[in-house]
Amino acid sequence: MPAKPLATLLLVDDDRHLLCSMADWLRQQGYATDTASTLADAIAAVDRKNYDLVLVDIRLGADDGFELLAHCRNSYPNTTVIMITGYGTVESAVEAIRQGAFDFLTKPLIDDELLMALERAINQRKVIEENRNLKAQLDLRFGLENIIGHDPRMLKVFDMIDSVADTKATVLITGESGTGKSLIARAIHRRSSRRDKPFVEVACGALPETLLESELFGHVAGAFTGALGEKIGKFMQADKGTIFLDEISTASPGMQVKLLRVLQDFEFEPV
């Protein structure tokens, strides 16, 4: 039984002799390699088949390898593109990376250098896939699927979660201790477009008022005795994400007034 290839790879170069010899070498290294010698053939290939990696020369006769890079970034963002050239400059390297290339290599290619670049690209793809799987597991753990309940009142709660999840509304979650308020807050976050941003939980009841204010809003150096440096508050940490203020009712009336300004105007000042 043949070994599973390390990755599927499309090699694109207008030098047919180099194209054939390099493709044979890449196959010997364990890469399932296809070739294309023109921009049109390369675009047709990536449209026809899902490649892990594309290795493309910047100069393709009268065409430009950057066009293939742009096509992959726009239509196949999961495909990793490595640019190669015999006319490398700092400017072209910077432009390639800016436009989304994973790496930029200059000819003549050194075997070890190319293998290291391909290995880094594969490892990055593995990390991205692992992160994607982890986020899916978090969605399962903290999403609605983890909240058990078929009572009509719970079904109303589920509908409410979906209706408010993607808004910027301030949500008040009430319930006895141990009924799952934190779980509901996390479910709202995971069902929203903010799911990839921070979810910050603050146990208001566990902190004295003076410490709670610093914890929420942060402080500047010298704001009080012992404030030797700046501290980023929980509101800033939760920027573009979700902040869950657990047991907010335990906060003093003065603190609740300060919180009201944040909830209404989305503005605050460090201590």
C-alpha atoms as a PDB file:
ATOM      1  CA  MET A   1       0.000   0.000   0.000  1.00  0.00           C
ATOM      2  CA  PRO A   2       1.574   3.344  -1.073  1.00  0.00           C
ATOM      3  CA  ALA A   3       2.392   5.837   1.660  1.00  0.00           C
ATOM      4  CA  LYS A   4       0.058   8.778   2.110  1.00  0.00           C
ATOM      5  CA  PRO A   5       1.556  11.909   0.503  1.00  0.00           C
ATOM      6  CA  LEU A   6       2.757  14.675   2.783  1.00  0.00           C
ATOM      7  CA  ALA A   7       0.558  17.142   0.903  1.00  0.00           C
ATOM      8  CA  THR A   8      -0.970  17.854  -2.484  1.00  0.00           C
ATOM      9  CA  LEU A   9       1.108  20.435  -4.349  1.00  0.00           C
ATOM     10  CA  LEU A  10       0.822  22.404  -7.574  1.00  0.00           C
ATOM     11  CA  LEU A  11       4.136  23.545  -9.068  1.00  0.00           C
ATOM     12  CA  VAL A  12       3.918  26.421 -11.553  1.00  0.00           C
ATOM     13  CA  ASP A  13       6.888  27.575 -13.667  1.00  0.00           C
ATOM     14  CA  ASP A  14       7.291  28.566 -17.324  1.00  0.00           C
ATOM     15  CA  ASP A  15      10.685  26.815 -17.495  1.00  0.00           C
ATOM     16  CA  ARG A  16       9.527  23.365 -18.605  1.00  0.00           C
ATOM     17  CA  HIS A  17      12.880  21.654 -17.967  1.00  0.00           C
ATOM     18  CA  LEU A  18      13.005  22.997 -14.396  1.00  0.00           C
ATOM     19  CA  LEU A  19       9.319  22.210 -13.975  1.00  0.00           C
ATOM     20  CA  CYS A  20       9.745  18.526 -14.813  1.00  0.00           C
ATOM     21  CA  SER A  21      12.947  17.954 -12.825  1.00  0.00           C
ATOM     22  CA  MET A  22      11.661  19.809  -9.771  1.00  0.00           C
ATOM     23  CA  ALA A  23       8.311  18.003  -9.878  1.00  0.00           C
ATOM     24  CA  ASP A  24      10.086  14.607  -9.976  1.00  0.00           C
ATOM     25  CA  TRP A  25      12.226  15.615  -6.998  1.00  0.00           C
ATOM     26  CA  LEU A  26       9.197  16.797  -5.004  1.00  0.00           C
ATOM     27  CA  ARG A  27       7.415  13.495  -5.704  1.00  0.00           C
ATOM     28  CA  GLN A  28      10.479  11.662  -4.392  1.00  0.00           C
ATOM     29  CA  GLN A  29      10.205  13.736  -1.186  1.00  0.00           C
ATOM     30  CA  GLY A  30       6.638  12.526  -0.694  1.00  0.00           C
ATOM     31  CA  TYR A  31       4.548  15.334  -2.230  1.00  0.00           C
ATOM     32  CA  ALA A  32       1.707  14.524  -4.632  1.00  0.00           C
ATOM     33  CA  THR A  33       2.777  17.034  -7.267  1.00  0.00           C
ATOM     34  CA  ASP A  34       0.971  18.380 -10.334  1.00  0.00           C
ATOM     35  CA  THR A  35       2.464  20.906 -12.730  1.00  0.00           C
ATOM     36  CA  ALA A  36       1.413  23.880 -14.832  1.00  0.00           C
ATOM     37  CA  SER A  37       3.557  26.047 -17.106  1.00  0.00           C
ATOM     38  CA  THR A  38       1.133  28.895 -17.751  1.00  0.00           C
ATOM     39  CA  LEU A  39      -1.093  31.089 -15.613  1.00  0.00           C
ATOM     40  CA  ALA A  40      -4.211  29.854 -17.392  1.00  0.00           C
ATOM     41  CA  ASP A  41      -3.305  26.195 -16.777  1.00  0.00           C
ATOM     42  CA  ALA A  42      -2.502  26.959 -13.117  1.00  0.00           C
ATOM     43  CA  ILE A  43      -5.840  28.704 -12.518  1.00  0.00           C
ATOM     44  CA  ALA A  44      -7.650  25.820 -14.206  1.00  0.00           C
ATOM     45  CA  ALA A  45      -5.770  23.348 -11.993  1.00  0.00           C
ATOM     46  CA  VAL A  46      -6.634  25.051  -8.676  1.00  0.00           C
ATOM     47  CA  ASP A  47     -10.248  25.423  -9.826  1.00  0.00           C
ATOM     48  CA  ARG A  48     -10.372  21.724 -10.596  1.00  0.00           C
ATOM     49  CA  LYS A  49      -8.557  20.308  -7.552  1.00  0.00           C
ATOM     50  CA  ASN A  50      -8.118  21.248  -3.897  1.00  0.00           C
ATOM     51  CA  TYR A  51      -4.370  21.718  -3.317  1.00  0.00           C
ATOM     52  CA  ASP A  52      -2.697  22.057   0.059  1.00  0.00           C
ATOM     53  CA  LEU A  53       0.247  23.999  -1.394  1.00  0.00           C
ATOM     54  CA  VAL A  54       0.946  26.041  -4.510  1.00  0.00           C
ATOM     55  CA  LEU A  55       4.550  26.798  -5.460  1.00  0.00           C
ATOM     56  CA  VAL A  56       4.549  29.464  -8.190  1.00  0.00           C
ATOM     57  CA  ASP A  57       7.191  31.481 -10.026  1.00  0.00           C
ATOM     58  CA  ILE A  58       6.527  35.214 -10.106  1.00  0.00           C
ATOM     59  CA  ARG A  59       7.358  35.433 -13.831  1.00  0.00           C
ATOM     60  CA  LEU A  60       5.233  33.204 -16.050  1.00  0.00           C
ATOM     61  CA  GLY A  61       6.150  34.400 -19.519  1.00  0.00           C
ATOM     62  CA  ALA A  62       3.957  37.414 -20.225  1.00  0.00           C
ATOM     63  CA  ASP A  63       1.865  36.678 -17.124  1.00  0.00           C
ATOM     64  CA  ASP A  64       2.398  37.346 -13.449  1.00  0.00           C
ATOM     65  CA  GLY A  65       2.450  34.794 -10.627  1.00  0.00           C
ATOM     66  CA  PHE A  66       0.863  37.395  -8.363  1.00  0.00           C
ATOM     67  CA  GLU A  67      -2.361  36.874 -10.315  1.00  0.00           C
ATOM     68  CA  LEU A  68      -2.430  33.233  -9.235  1.00  0.00           C
ATOM     69  CA  LEU A  69      -1.689  34.296  -5.661  1.00  0.00           C
ATOM     70  CA  ALA A  70      -4.642  36.707  -5.737  1.00  0.00           C
ATOM     71  CA  HIS A  71      -6.897  34.020  -7.246  1.00  0.00           C
ATOM     72  CA  CYS A  72      -5.981  31.556  -4.489  1.00  0.00           C
ATOM     73  CA  ARG A  73      -6.399  34.132  -1.707  1.00  0.00           C
ATOM     74  CA  ASN A  74      -9.824  35.177  -3.013  1.00  0.00           C
ATOM     75  CA  SER A  75     -11.251  31.788  -3.977  1.00  0.00           C
ATOM     76  CA  TYR A  76      -9.219  29.226  -2.014  1.00  0.00           C
ATOM     77  CA  PRO A  77      -7.951  30.878   1.183  1.00  0.00           C
ATOM     78  CA  ASN A  78      -7.051  27.519   2.741  1.00  0.00           C
ATOM     79  CA  THR A  79      -4.456  26.886   0.022  1.00  0.00           C
ATOM     80  CA  THR A  80      -0.955  27.960   1.058  1.00  0.00           C
ATOM     81  CA  VAL A  81       1.011  29.809  -1.648  1.00  0.00           C
ATOM     82  CA  ILE A  82       4.799  30.043  -1.786  1.00  0.00           C
ATOM     83  CA  MET A  83       6.321  32.405  -4.355  1.00  0.00           C
ATOM     84  CA  ILE A  84       9.638  31.699  -6.102  1.00  0.00           C
ATOM     85  CA  THR A  85      11.724  33.884  -8.402  1.00  0.00           C
ATOM     86  CA  GLY A  86      15.102  34.236  -9.994  1.00  0.00           C
ATOM     87  CA  TYR A  87      14.917  38.005  -9.725  1.00  0.00           C
ATOM     88  CA  GLY A  88      14.328  38.486  -6.033  1.00  0.00           C
ATOM     89  CA  THR A  89      14.342  41.914  -4.426  1.00  0.00           C
ATOM     90  CA  VAL A  90      13.392  43.069  -0.967  1.00  0.00           C
ATOM     91  CA  GLU A  91      10.471  45.003  -2.467  1.00  0.00           C
ATOM     92  CA  SER A  92       9.043  41.988  -4.305  1.00  0.00           C
ATOM     93  CA  ALA A  93       9.428  39.812  -1.200  1.00  0.00           C
ATOM     94  CA  VAL A  94       7.588  42.339   0.953  1.00  0.00           C
ATOM     95  CA  GLU A  95       4.852  42.670  -1.673  1.00  0.00           C
ATOM     96  CA  ALA A  96       4.414  38.886  -1.873  1.00  0.00           C
ATOM     97  CA  ILE A  97       3.996  38.533   1.886  1.00  0.00           C
ATOM     98  CA  ARG A  98       1.701  41.583   1.987  1.00  0.00           C
ATOM     99  CA  GLN A  99      -0.558  40.022  -0.628  1.00  0.00           C
ATOM    100  CA  GLY A 100      -0.823  36.786   1.343  1.00  0.00           C
ATOM    101  CA  ALA A 101       2.042  34.529   0.257  1.00  0.00           C
ATOM    102  CA  PHE A 102       3.316  32.228   2.993  1.00  0.00           C
ATOM    103  CA  ASP A 103       6.945  32.515   1.915  1.00  0.00           C
ATOM    104  CA  PHE A 104       9.200  33.936  -0.784  1.00  0.00           C
ATOM    105  CA  LEU A 105      12.129  31.909  -2.129  1.00  0.00           C
ATOM    106  CA  THR A 106      14.824  32.873  -4.639  1.00  0.00           C
ATOM    107  CA  LYS A 107      16.387  30.714  -7.348  1.00  0.00           C
ATOM    108  CA  PRO A 108      18.528  28.736  -7.537  1.00  0.00           C
ATOM    109  CA  LEU A 109      16.529  26.875  -4.908  1.00  0.00           C
ATOM    110  CA  ILE A 110      18.474  25.044  -2.219  1.00  0.00           C
ATOM    111  CA  ASP A 111      16.931  21.645  -1.439  1.00  0.00           C
ATOM    112  CA  ASP A 112      17.000  22.050   2.338  1.00  0.00           C
ATOM    113  CA  GLU A 113      15.638  25.586   2.155  1.00  0.00           C
ATOM    114  CA  LEU A 114      12.696  24.472   0.013  1.00  0.00           C
ATOM    115  CA  LEU A 115      11.955  21.463   2.220  1.00  0.00           C
ATOM    116  CA  MET A 116      12.015  23.651   5.333  1.00  0.00           C
ATOM    117  CA  ALA A 117       9.600  26.129   3.730  1.00  0.00           C
ATOM    118  CA  LEU A 118       7.224  23.331   2.731  1.00  0.00           C
ATOM    119  CA  GLU A 119       7.464  21.783   6.207  1.00  0.00           C
ATOM    120  CA  ARG A 120       6.669  25.139   7.852  1.00  0.00           C
ATOM    121  CA  ALA A 121       3.687  25.568   5.561  1.00  0.00           C
ATOM    122  CA  ILE A 122       2.356  22.102   6.409  1.00  0.00           C
ATOM    123  CA  ASN A 123       2.855  22.701  10.139  1.00  0.00           C
ATOM    124  CA  GLN A 124       0.984  25.996   9.910  1.00  0.00           C
ATOM    125  CA  ARG A 125      -1.908  24.255   8.162  1.00  0.00           C
ATOM    126  CA  LYS A 126      -1.983  21.658  10.954  1.00  0.00           C
ATOM    127  CA  VAL A 127      -2.089  24.373  13.623  1.00  0.00           C
ATOM    128  CA  ILE A 128      -4.915  26.179  11.813  1.00  0.00           C
ATOM    129  CA  GLU A 129      -6.857  22.927  11.518  1.00  0.00           C
ATOM    130  CA  GLU A 130      -6.279  22.121  15.194  1.00  0.00           C
ATOM    131  CA  ASN A 131      -7.521  25.602  16.150  1.00  0.00           C
ATOM    132  CA  ARG A 132     -10.572  25.116  13.972  1.00  0.00           C
ATOM    133  CA  ASN A 133     -11.319  21.775  15.656  1.00  0.00           C
ATOM    134  CA  LEU A 134     -10.764  23.302  19.099  1.00  0.00           C
ATOM    135  CA  LYS A 135     -13.194  26.115  18.352  1.00  0.00           C
ATOM    136  CA  ALA A 136     -15.730  23.541  17.167  1.00  0.00           C
ATOM    137  CA  GLN A 137     -15.293  21.699  20.471  1.00  0.00           C
ATOM    138  CA  LEU A 138     -15.788  24.967  22.371  1.00  0.00           C
ATOM    139  CA  ASP A 139     -18.959  25.614  20.391  1.00  0.00           C
ATOM    140  CA  LEU A 140     -20.162  22.164  21.432  1.00  0.00           C
ATOM    141  CA  ARG A 141     -19.131  22.595  25.058  1.00  0.00           C
ATOM    142  CA  PHE A 142     -20.413  26.117  25.571  1.00  0.00           C
ATOM    143  CA  GLY A 143     -23.120  26.273  22.910  1.00  0.00           C
ATOM    144  CA  LEU A 144     -26.780  25.398  23.297  1.00  0.00           C
ATOM    145  CA  GLU A 145     -25.982  21.723  22.727  1.00  0.00           C
ATOM    146  CA  ASN A 146     -24.547  21.588  26.253  1.00  0.00           C
ATOM    147  CA  ILE A 147     -27.646  23.046  27.909  1.00  0.00           C
ATOM    148  CA  ILE A 148     -30.130  20.332  28.744  1.00  0.00           C
ATOM    149  CA  GLY A 149     -33.811  21.196  28.834  1.00  0.00           C
ATOM    150  CA  HIS A 150     -36.977  20.437  26.872  1.00  0.00           C
ATOM    151  CA  ASP A 151     -39.408  22.375  29.027  1.00  0.00           C
ATOM    152  CA  PRO A 152     -41.309  25.041  27.010  1.00  0.00           C
ATOM    153  CA  ARG A 153     -39.792  27.717  29.260  1.00  0.00           C
ATOM    154  CA  MET A 154     -36.281  26.489  28.463  1.00  0.00           C
ATOM    155  CA  LEU A 155     -37.123  26.453  24.751  1.00  0.00           C
ATOM    156  CA  LYS A 156     -38.049  30.113  25.132  1.00  0.00           C
ATOM    157  CA  VAL A 157     -34.647  30.723  26.724  1.00  0.00           C
ATOM    158  CA  PHE A 158     -32.968  29.050  23.727  1.00  0.00           C
ATOM    159  CA  ASP A 159     -34.925  31.258  21.324  1.00  0.00           C
ATOM    160  CA  MET A 160     -33.962  34.314  23.358  1.00  0.00           C
ATOM    161  CA  ILE A 161     -30.272  33.339  23.215  1.00  0.00           C
ATOM    162  CA  ASP A 162     -30.407  33.115  19.424  1.00  0.00           C
ATOM    163  CA  SER A 163     -32.280  36.400  19.111  1.00  0.00           C
ATOM    164  CA  VAL A 164     -29.842  38.441  21.229  1.00  0.00           C
ATOM    165  CA  ALA A 165     -26.569  36.658  20.468  1.00  0.00           C
ATOM    166  CA  ASP A 166     -25.611  38.745  17.446  1.00  0.00           C
ATOM    167  CA  THR A 167     -26.703  42.107  18.814  1.00  0.00           C
ATOM    168  CA  LYS A 168     -24.797  44.646  20.893  1.00  0.00           C
ATOM    169  CA  ALA A 169     -27.570  44.685  23.470  1.00  0.00           C
ATOM    170  CA  THR A 170     -26.812  44.461  27.179  1.00  0.00           C
ATOM    171  CA  VAL A 171     -28.404  41.249  28.458  1.00  0.00           C
ATOM    172  CA  LEU A 172     -29.546  40.713  32.054  1.00  0.00           C
ATOM    173  CA  ILE A 173     -29.458  37.049  33.068  1.00  0.00           C
ATOM    174  CA  THR A 174     -31.319  36.261  36.291  1.00  0.00           C
ATOM    175  CA  GLY A 175     -31.647  33.041  38.243  1.00  0.00           C
ATOM    176  CA  GLU A 176     -30.830  31.333  41.495  1.00  0.00           C
ATOM    177  CA  SER A 177     -27.247  30.400  42.267  1.00  0.00           C
ATOM    178  CA  GLY A 178     -26.240  27.260  40.404  1.00  0.00           C
ATOM    179  CA  THR A 179     -28.900  27.475  37.682  1.00  0.00           C
ATOM    180  CA  GLY A 180     -26.375  28.047  34.887  1.00  0.00           C
ATOM    181  CA  LYS A 181     -26.205  31.807  34.310  1.00  0.00           C
ATOM    182  CA  SER A 182     -22.556  31.538  33.264  1.00  0.00           C
ATOM    183  CA  LEU A 183     -23.474  28.748  30.843  1.00  0.00           C
ATOM    184  CA  ILE A 184     -26.133  30.944  29.255  1.00  0.00           C
ATOM    185  CA  ALA A 185     -23.661  33.832  28.955  1.00  0.00           C
ATOM    186  CA  ARG A 186     -21.125  31.611  27.248  1.00  0.00           C
ATOM    187  CA  ALA A 187     -23.792  30.222  24.922  1.00  0.00           C
ATOM    188  CA  ILE A 188     -24.732  33.764  23.873  1.00  0.00           C
ATOM    189  CA  HIS A 189     -21.066  34.477  23.144  1.00  0.00           C
ATOM    190  CA  ARG A 190     -20.485  31.252  21.205  1.00  0.00           C
ATOM    191  CA  ARG A 191     -23.625  31.819  19.074  1.00  0.00           C
ATOM    192  CA  SER A 192     -22.547  35.330  18.102  1.00  0.00           C
ATOM    193  CA  SER A 193     -20.187  36.692  15.465  1.00  0.00           C
ATOM    194  CA  ARG A 194     -17.921  37.592  18.421  1.00  0.00           C
ATOM    195  CA  ARG A 195     -17.137  33.937  19.121  1.00  0.00           C
ATOM    196  CA  ASP A 196     -13.512  34.345  18.001  1.00  0.00           C
ATOM    197  CA  LYS A 197     -13.034  37.354  20.298  1.00  0.00           C
ATOM    198  CA  PRO A 198     -12.464  37.225  24.072  1.00  0.00           C
ATOM    199  CA  PHE A 199     -15.063  36.065  26.581  1.00  0.00           C
ATOM    200  CA  VAL A 200     -14.213  37.659  29.925  1.00  0.00           C
ATOM    201  CA  GLU A 201     -15.975  36.634  33.130  1.00  0.00           C
ATOM    202  CA  VAL A 202     -15.757  38.786  36.257  1.00  0.00           C
ATOM    203  CA  ALA A 203     -16.900  37.452  39.646  1.00  0.00           C
ATOM    204  CA  CYS A 204     -18.138  40.774  41.041  1.00  0.00           C
ATOM    205  CA  GLY A 205     -19.231  39.274  44.347  1.00  0.00           C
ATOM    206  CA  ALA A 206     -15.760  37.985  45.113  1.00  0.00           C
ATOM    207  CA  LEU A 207     -14.032  41.378  44.958  1.00  0.00           C
ATOM    208  CA  PRO A 208     -14.183  44.385  47.290  1.00  0.00           C
ATOM    209  CA  GLU A 209     -15.475  47.571  45.643  1.00  0.00           C
ATOM    210  CA  THR A 210     -12.104  49.337  45.425  1.00  0.00           C
ATOM    211  CA  LEU A 211     -10.510  46.331  43.783  1.00  0.00           C
ATOM    212  CA  LEU A 212     -13.534  45.693  41.547  1.00  0.00           C
ATOM    213  CA  GLU A 213     -13.306  49.185  40.045  1.00  0.00           C
ATOM    214  CA  SER A 214      -9.634  48.712  39.190  1.00  0.00           C
ATOM    215  CA  GLU A 215     -10.328  45.215  37.894  1.00  0.00           C
ATOM    216  CA  LEU A 216     -13.083  46.402  35.548  1.00  0.00           C
ATOM    217  CA  PHE A 217     -11.750  49.728  34.331  1.00  0.00           C
ATOM    218  CA  GLY A 218      -8.007  49.273  34.803  1.00  0.00           C
ATOM    219  CA  HIS A 219      -5.795  51.932  36.344  1.00  0.00           C
ATOM    220  CA  VAL A 220      -2.885  54.201  35.510  1.00  0.00           C
ATOM    221  CA  ALA A 221       0.386  54.283  37.400  1.00  0.00           C
ATOM    222  CA  GLY A 222       0.080  56.183  40.685  1.00  0.00           C
ATOM    223  CA  ALA A 223      -3.719  56.057  40.775  1.00  0.00           C
ATOM    224  CA  PHE A 224      -3.550  54.702  44.320  1.00  0.00           C
ATOM    225  CA  THR A 225      -1.024  53.293  46.776  1.00  0.00           C
ATOM    226  CA  GLY A 226       0.623  50.272  45.221  1.00  0.00           C
ATOM    227  CA  ALA A 227      -0.337  51.145  41.629  1.00  0.00           C
ATOM    228  CA  LEU A 228       3.195  51.000  40.309  1.00  0.00           C
ATOM    229  CA  GLY A 229       2.232  50.509  36.668  1.00  0.00           C
ATOM    230  CA  GLU A 230      -0.688  50.594  34.284  1.00  0.00           C
ATOM    231  CA  LYS A 231      -3.254  47.806  34.407  1.00  0.00           C
ATOM    232  CA  ILE A 232      -5.592  46.890  31.563  1.00  0.00           C
ATOM    233  CA  GLY A 233      -9.120  46.406  32.872  1.00  0.00           C
ATOM    234  CA  LYS A 234     -11.564  43.644  32.044  1.00  0.00           C
ATOM    235  CA  PHE A 235     -13.645  45.910  29.802  1.00  0.00           C
ATOM    236  CA  MET A 236     -10.600  46.610  27.639  1.00  0.00           C
ATOM    237  CA  GLN A 237      -9.647  42.916  27.640  1.00  0.00           C
ATOM    238  CA  ALA A 238     -13.135  42.089  26.362  1.00  0.00           C
ATOM    239  CA  ASP A 239     -12.934  44.625  23.521  1.00  0.00           C
ATOM    240  CA  LYS A 240     -14.979  43.409  20.516  1.00  0.00           C
ATOM    241  CA  GLY A 241     -15.907  40.324  22.535  1.00  0.00           C
ATOM    242  CA  THR A 242     -18.211  39.664  25.487  1.00  0.00           C
ATOM    243  CA  ILE A 243     -17.904  40.535  29.173  1.00  0.00           C
ATOM    244  CA  PHE A 244     -20.000  38.676  31.751  1.00  0.00           C
ATOM    245  CA  LEU A 245     -20.429  40.476  35.068  1.00  0.00           C
ATOM    246  CA  ASP A 246     -21.417  37.677  37.428  1.00  0.00           C
ATOM    247  CA  GLU A 247     -23.410  38.646  40.553  1.00  0.00           C
ATOM    248  CA  ILE A 248     -23.479  42.289  39.513  1.00  0.00           C
ATOM    249  CA  SER A 249     -26.236  42.913  42.053  1.00  0.00           C
ATOM    250  CA  THR A 250     -23.633  42.676  44.834  1.00  0.00           C
ATOM    251  CA  ALA A 251     -21.903  45.855  43.569  1.00  0.00           C
ATOM    252  CA  SER A 252     -22.526  49.048  45.538  1.00  0.00           C
ATOM    253  CA  PRO A 253     -24.944  51.702  44.194  1.00  0.00           C
ATOM    254  CA  GLY A 254     -21.953  53.947  43.409  1.00  0.00           C
ATOM    255  CA  MET A 255     -20.302  51.233  41.355  1.00  0.00           C
ATOM    256  CA  GLN A 256     -23.571  50.478  39.548  1.00  0.00           C
ATOM    257  CA  VAL A 257     -23.822  54.134  38.493  1.00  0.00           C
ATOM    258  CA  LYS A 258     -20.355  53.914  36.958  1.00  0.00           C
ATOM    259  CA  LEU A 259     -21.295  50.681  35.227  1.00  0.00           C
ATOM    260  CA  LEU A 260     -24.460  52.283  33.865  1.00  0.00           C
ATOM    261  CA  ARG A 261     -22.378  54.789  31.914  1.00  0.00           C
ATOM    262  CA  VAL A 262     -20.382  51.981  30.339  1.00  0.00           C
ATOM    263  CA  LEU A 263     -23.512  50.017  29.434  1.00  0.00           C
ATOM    264  CA  GLN A 264     -25.298  53.041  27.981  1.00  0.00           C
ATOM    265  CA  ASP A 265     -22.479  55.006  26.326  1.00  0.00           C
ATOM    266  CA  PHE A 266     -19.843  52.266  25.886  1.00  0.00           C
ATOM    267  CA  GLU A 267     -17.285  54.619  27.427  1.00  0.00           C
ATOM    268  CA  PHE A 268     -15.141  54.433  30.551  1.00  0.00           C
ATOM    269  CA  GLU A 269     -11.994  55.876  32.062  1.00  0.00           C
ATOM    270  CA  PRO A 270      -9.253  54.043  33.958  1.00  0.00           C
ATOM    271  CA  VAL A 271      -8.993  54.693  37.683  1.00  0.00           C
END
